Amino acid sequence: MNVLKSAERKLEGLVEGVFGRAFKASVQPVELAHKLAKEMGDHKTLGVSSVFVPNEYEVYLGGDDHEKLSSLGDALKTELANYLTAFARREGWTMVAAPRIELKRDDDLRTGEFGIATRTVSVDDAAAQVAAAPGAARPAPAAPVAAAAAAAAAPGTSLAPPAGASPAQTVLYERPPAPAVRYAVRGPGIDVELTNAVNLIGRSRRCDIVLTDPNVSRQHAELRLTGSQVVLRDLGSTNGTRVNRRAVTQAVLRPGDRIEVGTTELLFERRA
């Protein structure tokens, strides 16, 4: 069965995005994060003074991929939701409620293939859908957007709506307190402290660390903060990534390590 038609059958009226891969490798969470952000940008709605983007995403996975990623539980959904929140905030886009990601199984998909359906659903709309379902229990009164967003955020994340905000306005997701250990990267004209959970390196202006080196891919690599560690991951770049002269696809960094992307060298350091 055609993948798009399968998604259309299950989510009538929604927009689908289907992504195939050249090789039958399992779908990785980082790949989902980047495609979800792309779908968010592809389905913008221009308002009078705001740019609205979807806040609900249903990811369709083949059997093996669904079993593997579902085993990560709510931790994966929370991480993906936080990534979309940070991405939308950086772009100045508005979501009417906290992002929600659901993983669905579709046996018509092969390993490495996945589809994404997007839509915009407010807190009140979601409650109405539950109430309309046959035999559904009477839902509790809809919580304010800030409370709904807090439920989707990672532990320790602080959320607060802008002054005078109504539930239909943007919820501001405050950056969590900086960890006791701070890290940064330095290079030619570059001195960036790593404050996001995921920090993109590349030529694109959407990246957190923007390089003008023509040998660097638009989204070349990422630096991911995981507890007290920083993990460098190559994002399928054209010219690859090296750490201390060795080619890597992923590496846990130590202060003093030298990262090479294209012809640019960056120094990874710890700051007090």
Protein backbone atom coordinates (compact mmCIF):
# COMPACT_ATOMS: atom_id res chain seq x y z
CA MET A 1 0.00 0.00 0.00
CA ASN A 2 1.23 3.48 -0.81
CA VAL A 3 2.71 5.06 2.34
CA LEU A 4 1.06 8.44 1.82
CA LYS A 5 -2.34 6.88 1.21
CA SER A 6 -1.93 4.79 4.34
CA ALA A 7 -1.23 7.89 6.43
CA GLU A 8 -4.10 9.70 4.73
CA ARG A 9 -6.48 6.92 5.61
CA LYS A 10 -5.51 7.11 9.27
CA LEU A 11 -5.36 10.88 9.58
CA GLU A 12 -7.91 12.26 7.14
CA GLY A 13 -7.49 15.97 6.57
CA LEU A 14 -3.96 16.11 7.96
CA VAL A 15 -0.73 16.75 6.13
CA GLU A 16 1.68 13.88 5.70
CA GLY A 17 5.41 13.85 5.22
CA VAL A 18 7.11 10.63 4.21
CA PHE A 19 10.81 10.13 4.20
CA GLY A 20 12.63 7.17 2.70
CA ARG A 21 16.22 6.15 3.22
CA ALA A 22 18.65 4.67 0.74
CA PHE A 23 19.69 1.89 3.13
CA LYS A 24 17.67 -0.23 5.53
CA ALA A 25 19.18 1.21 8.70
CA SER A 26 17.01 1.78 11.75
CA VAL A 27 15.47 5.20 12.28
CA GLN A 28 17.51 7.23 14.80
CA PRO A 29 16.01 9.76 17.25
CA VAL A 30 18.27 12.54 15.92
CA GLU A 31 16.91 11.90 12.42
CA LEU A 32 13.35 12.17 13.72
CA ALA A 33 14.19 15.46 15.45
CA HIS A 34 15.53 17.06 12.27
CA LYS A 35 12.62 15.85 10.11
CA LEU A 36 10.06 17.00 12.69
CA ALA A 37 11.65 20.46 12.64
CA LYS A 38 11.52 20.44 8.83
CA GLU A 39 7.83 19.50 8.88
CA MET A 40 7.19 22.28 11.38
CA GLY A 41 8.77 24.81 9.01
CA ASP A 42 7.04 23.38 5.94
CA HIS A 43 3.59 23.82 7.50
CA LYS A 44 3.78 27.38 8.77
CA THR A 45 0.65 29.54 8.78
CA LEU A 46 1.11 33.30 8.50
CA GLY A 47 -1.01 35.22 10.99
CA VAL A 48 -1.45 38.96 11.30
CA SER A 49 1.45 39.37 13.69
CA SER A 50 2.65 35.81 14.26
CA VAL A 51 3.80 32.76 12.34
CA PHE A 52 1.92 29.70 13.59
CA VAL A 53 3.31 26.17 13.34
CA PRO A 54 1.79 22.76 14.17
CA ASN A 55 2.04 21.49 17.72
CA GLU A 56 0.92 17.87 17.26
CA TYR A 57 2.97 15.29 15.36
CA GLU A 58 2.22 11.63 14.70
CA VAL A 59 5.24 9.63 13.56
CA TYR A 60 4.50 6.41 11.65
CA LEU A 61 7.17 3.71 11.93
CA GLY A 62 7.63 0.20 10.64
CA GLY A 63 7.34 -2.67 13.12
CA ASP A 64 11.02 -2.98 14.08
CA ASP A 65 11.59 0.77 14.35
CA HIS A 66 8.39 1.24 16.36
CA GLU A 67 9.37 -1.48 18.83
CA LYS A 68 12.87 -0.05 19.23
CA LEU A 69 11.87 3.59 19.72
CA SER A 70 8.78 2.85 21.81
CA SER A 71 11.05 1.08 24.29
CA LEU A 72 12.53 4.50 25.13
CA GLY A 73 9.14 5.52 26.53
CA ASP A 74 8.15 9.06 27.37
CA ALA A 75 11.81 10.14 27.59
CA LEU A 76 12.10 10.14 23.79
CA LYS A 77 8.82 12.03 23.30
CA THR A 78 9.89 14.63 25.87
CA GLU A 79 13.28 15.08 24.23
CA LEU A 80 11.71 15.53 20.78
CA ALA A 81 9.13 17.97 22.17
CA ASN A 82 11.86 20.02 23.87
CA TYR A 83 13.85 20.07 20.63
CA LEU A 84 10.84 21.41 18.69
CA THR A 85 10.17 23.98 21.41
CA ALA A 86 13.73 25.29 21.21
CA PHE A 87 13.64 25.27 17.40
CA ALA A 88 10.37 27.24 17.24
CA ARG A 89 11.61 29.73 19.82
CA ARG A 90 14.81 30.32 17.85
CA GLU A 91 12.82 30.94 14.65
CA GLY A 92 10.26 33.18 16.38
CA TRP A 93 7.36 30.83 15.55
CA THR A 94 4.21 30.36 17.64
CA MET A 95 2.57 27.14 18.87
CA VAL A 96 -0.91 27.41 20.39
CA ALA A 97 -0.07 24.68 22.91
CA ALA A 98 2.88 22.60 24.00
CA PRO A 99 4.15 20.21 21.29
CA ARG A 100 2.99 16.59 21.49
CA ILE A 101 4.59 13.66 19.67
CA GLU A 102 3.03 10.22 19.29
CA LEU A 103 4.66 7.13 17.78
CA LYS A 104 2.37 4.97 15.62
CA ARG A 105 3.01 1.57 14.08
CA ASP A 106 2.45 1.09 10.34
CA ASP A 107 3.37 -2.33 9.00
CA ASP A 108 3.35 -0.99 5.43
CA LEU A 109 6.61 0.80 6.25
CA ARG A 110 9.99 -0.89 6.04
CA THR A 111 12.89 -0.49 8.45
CA GLY A 112 14.37 2.98 8.03
CA GLU A 113 11.19 4.50 6.56
CA PHE A 114 8.86 6.76 8.49
CA GLY A 115 6.01 9.17 7.90
CA ILE A 116 5.02 12.31 9.80
CA ALA A 117 1.53 13.80 10.04
CA THR A 118 1.14 17.28 11.54
CA ARG A 119 -1.73 19.36 12.84
CA THR A 120 -2.47 22.25 15.18
CA VAL A 121 -4.61 21.41 18.21
CA SER A 122 -5.29 23.75 21.13
CA VAL A 123 -5.80 22.47 24.65
CA ASP A 124 -9.55 23.11 24.40
CA ASP A 125 -9.79 21.30 21.02
CA ALA A 126 -8.04 18.24 22.44
CA ALA A 127 -10.48 18.09 25.35
CA ALA A 128 -13.44 18.42 22.97
CA GLN A 129 -12.18 15.51 20.85
CA VAL A 130 -11.98 13.29 23.93
CA ALA A 131 -15.50 14.28 24.98
CA ALA A 132 -16.88 13.51 21.49
CA ALA A 133 -15.43 10.00 21.37
CA PRO A 134 -18.08 7.24 21.81
CA GLY A 135 -18.13 6.01 25.40
CA ALA A 136 -15.47 8.49 26.45
CA ALA A 137 -15.35 9.59 30.07
CA ARG A 138 -16.22 13.19 30.77
CA PRO A 139 -12.94 15.13 30.50
CA ALA A 140 -11.63 17.35 33.23
CA PRO A 141 -11.67 21.11 32.56
CA ALA A 142 -8.91 22.09 30.14
CA ALA A 143 -5.76 23.27 31.89
CA PRO A 144 -4.12 26.55 30.95
CA VAL A 145 -1.55 26.30 28.18
CA ALA A 146 1.31 26.89 30.60
CA ALA A 147 0.24 23.91 32.70
CA ALA A 148 -0.17 21.68 29.67
CA ALA A 149 3.27 22.69 28.44
CA ALA A 150 4.80 21.95 31.83
CA ALA A 151 3.53 18.38 31.61
CA ALA A 152 5.41 17.89 28.32
CA ALA A 153 8.64 19.50 29.46
CA ALA A 154 11.66 17.73 30.86
CA PRO A 155 12.05 17.71 34.65
CA GLY A 156 13.56 20.97 35.83
CA THR A 157 12.43 22.96 32.81
CA SER A 158 10.86 26.28 33.80
CA LEU A 159 7.93 27.55 31.78
CA ALA A 160 6.15 30.86 31.98
CA PRO A 161 3.68 32.60 29.64
CA PRO A 162 4.42 36.15 28.50
CA ALA A 163 2.79 38.96 30.45
CA GLY A 164 -0.94 39.16 29.70
CA ALA A 165 -0.84 36.04 27.51
CA SER A 166 -4.06 34.23 26.75
CA PRO A 167 -4.21 30.46 26.04
CA ALA A 168 -4.12 31.20 22.29
CA GLN A 169 -0.80 32.99 22.52
CA THR A 170 2.75 31.73 22.54
CA VAL A 171 4.02 30.03 25.66
CA LEU A 172 7.58 30.99 26.45
CA TYR A 173 9.75 28.06 27.43
CA GLU A 174 12.42 29.39 29.73
CA ARG A 175 15.89 27.90 29.41
CA PRO A 176 16.66 25.59 32.36
CA PRO A 177 19.26 26.81 34.87
CA ALA A 178 22.78 26.51 33.54
CA PRO A 179 24.59 23.44 34.86
CA ALA A 180 27.46 23.88 37.27
CA VAL A 181 29.81 22.74 34.51
CA ARG A 182 29.83 24.99 31.43
CA TYR A 183 31.31 24.15 28.06
CA ALA A 184 32.18 26.23 25.02
CA VAL A 185 33.83 25.99 21.61
CA ARG A 186 36.30 28.50 20.21
CA GLY A 187 37.69 28.98 16.72
CA PRO A 188 38.40 31.66 14.10
CA GLY A 189 35.89 34.38 14.99
CA ILE A 190 33.92 31.86 17.08
CA ASP A 191 33.43 31.80 20.85
CA VAL A 192 30.14 30.10 21.75
CA GLU A 193 29.05 28.77 25.12
CA LEU A 194 26.89 25.65 24.86
CA THR A 195 23.60 26.59 26.51
CA ASN A 196 21.13 24.49 24.50
CA ALA A 197 20.48 20.78 24.93
CA VAL A 198 21.37 20.41 21.22
CA ASN A 199 23.76 22.85 19.50
CA LEU A 200 23.96 22.63 15.70
CA ILE A 201 27.18 23.37 13.79
CA GLY A 202 27.04 24.32 10.10
CA ARG A 203 26.74 26.99 7.42
CA SER A 204 22.99 27.47 7.84
CA ARG A 205 21.97 30.57 9.76
CA ARG A 206 19.63 28.33 11.73
CA CYS A 207 22.63 26.70 13.37
CA ASP A 208 23.79 27.68 16.84
CA ILE A 209 27.43 27.74 15.70
CA VAL A 210 27.49 29.28 12.21
CA LEU A 211 30.61 28.76 10.08
CA THR A 212 31.34 30.40 6.72
CA ASP A 213 33.70 27.63 5.62
CA PRO A 214 32.43 26.40 2.17
CA ASN A 215 33.66 22.90 3.07
CA VAL A 216 31.18 22.74 5.95
CA SER A 217 27.69 21.32 5.31
CA ARG A 218 24.61 23.41 6.06
CA GLN A 219 23.92 21.24 9.10
CA HIS A 220 27.25 19.53 9.59
CA ALA A 221 27.29 18.24 13.18
CA GLU A 222 25.72 18.70 16.58
CA LEU A 223 26.94 19.02 20.16
CA ARG A 224 24.47 17.39 22.54
CA LEU A 225 24.58 18.00 26.29
CA THR A 226 23.77 14.77 28.13
CA GLY A 227 24.16 15.21 31.87
CA SER A 228 27.77 16.17 32.53
CA GLN A 229 28.94 15.01 29.09
CA VAL A 230 28.97 16.62 25.65
CA VAL A 231 28.53 14.27 22.69
CA LEU A 232 29.61 15.31 19.20
CA ARG A 233 27.62 13.69 16.38
CA ASP A 234 28.23 14.07 12.64
CA LEU A 235 24.94 14.66 10.78
CA GLY A 236 25.84 12.92 7.55
CA SER A 237 28.07 15.79 6.39
CA THR A 238 29.75 15.77 2.99
CA ASN A 239 33.33 16.10 4.26
CA GLY A 240 33.00 14.38 7.62
CA THR A 241 34.00 15.38 11.15
CA ARG A 242 37.26 14.76 12.97
CA VAL A 243 38.29 14.90 16.62
CA ASN A 244 42.00 15.20 17.33
CA ARG A 245 42.74 14.27 13.69
CA ARG A 246 40.58 11.11 13.80
CA ALA A 247 37.41 10.75 11.72
CA VAL A 248 34.34 10.16 13.90
CA THR A 249 30.61 9.79 13.51
CA GLN A 250 30.05 10.23 17.26
CA ALA A 251 32.38 10.96 20.17
CA VAL A 252 32.22 12.01 23.81
CA LEU A 253 34.33 15.15 24.07
CA ARG A 254 36.91 16.07 26.70
CA PRO A 255 38.18 19.59 27.41
CA GLY A 256 41.03 20.39 25.06
CA ASP A 257 39.73 18.24 22.20
CA ARG A 258 40.05 19.78 18.75
CA ILE A 259 37.09 19.41 16.41
CA GLU A 260 37.63 19.66 12.64
CA VAL A 261 34.65 20.43 10.38
CA GLY A 262 35.58 21.20 6.80
CA THR A 263 38.82 23.21 7.05
CA THR A 264 37.78 24.87 10.32
CA GLU A 265 39.22 23.77 13.65
CA LEU A 266 37.29 24.37 16.88
CA LEU A 267 38.61 23.97 20.41
CA PHE A 268 36.29 22.35 22.95
CA GLU A 269 36.84 23.70 26.46
CA ARG A 270 35.38 23.69 29.93
CA ARG A 271 34.65 26.96 31.68
CA ALA A 272 34.31 27.65 35.39
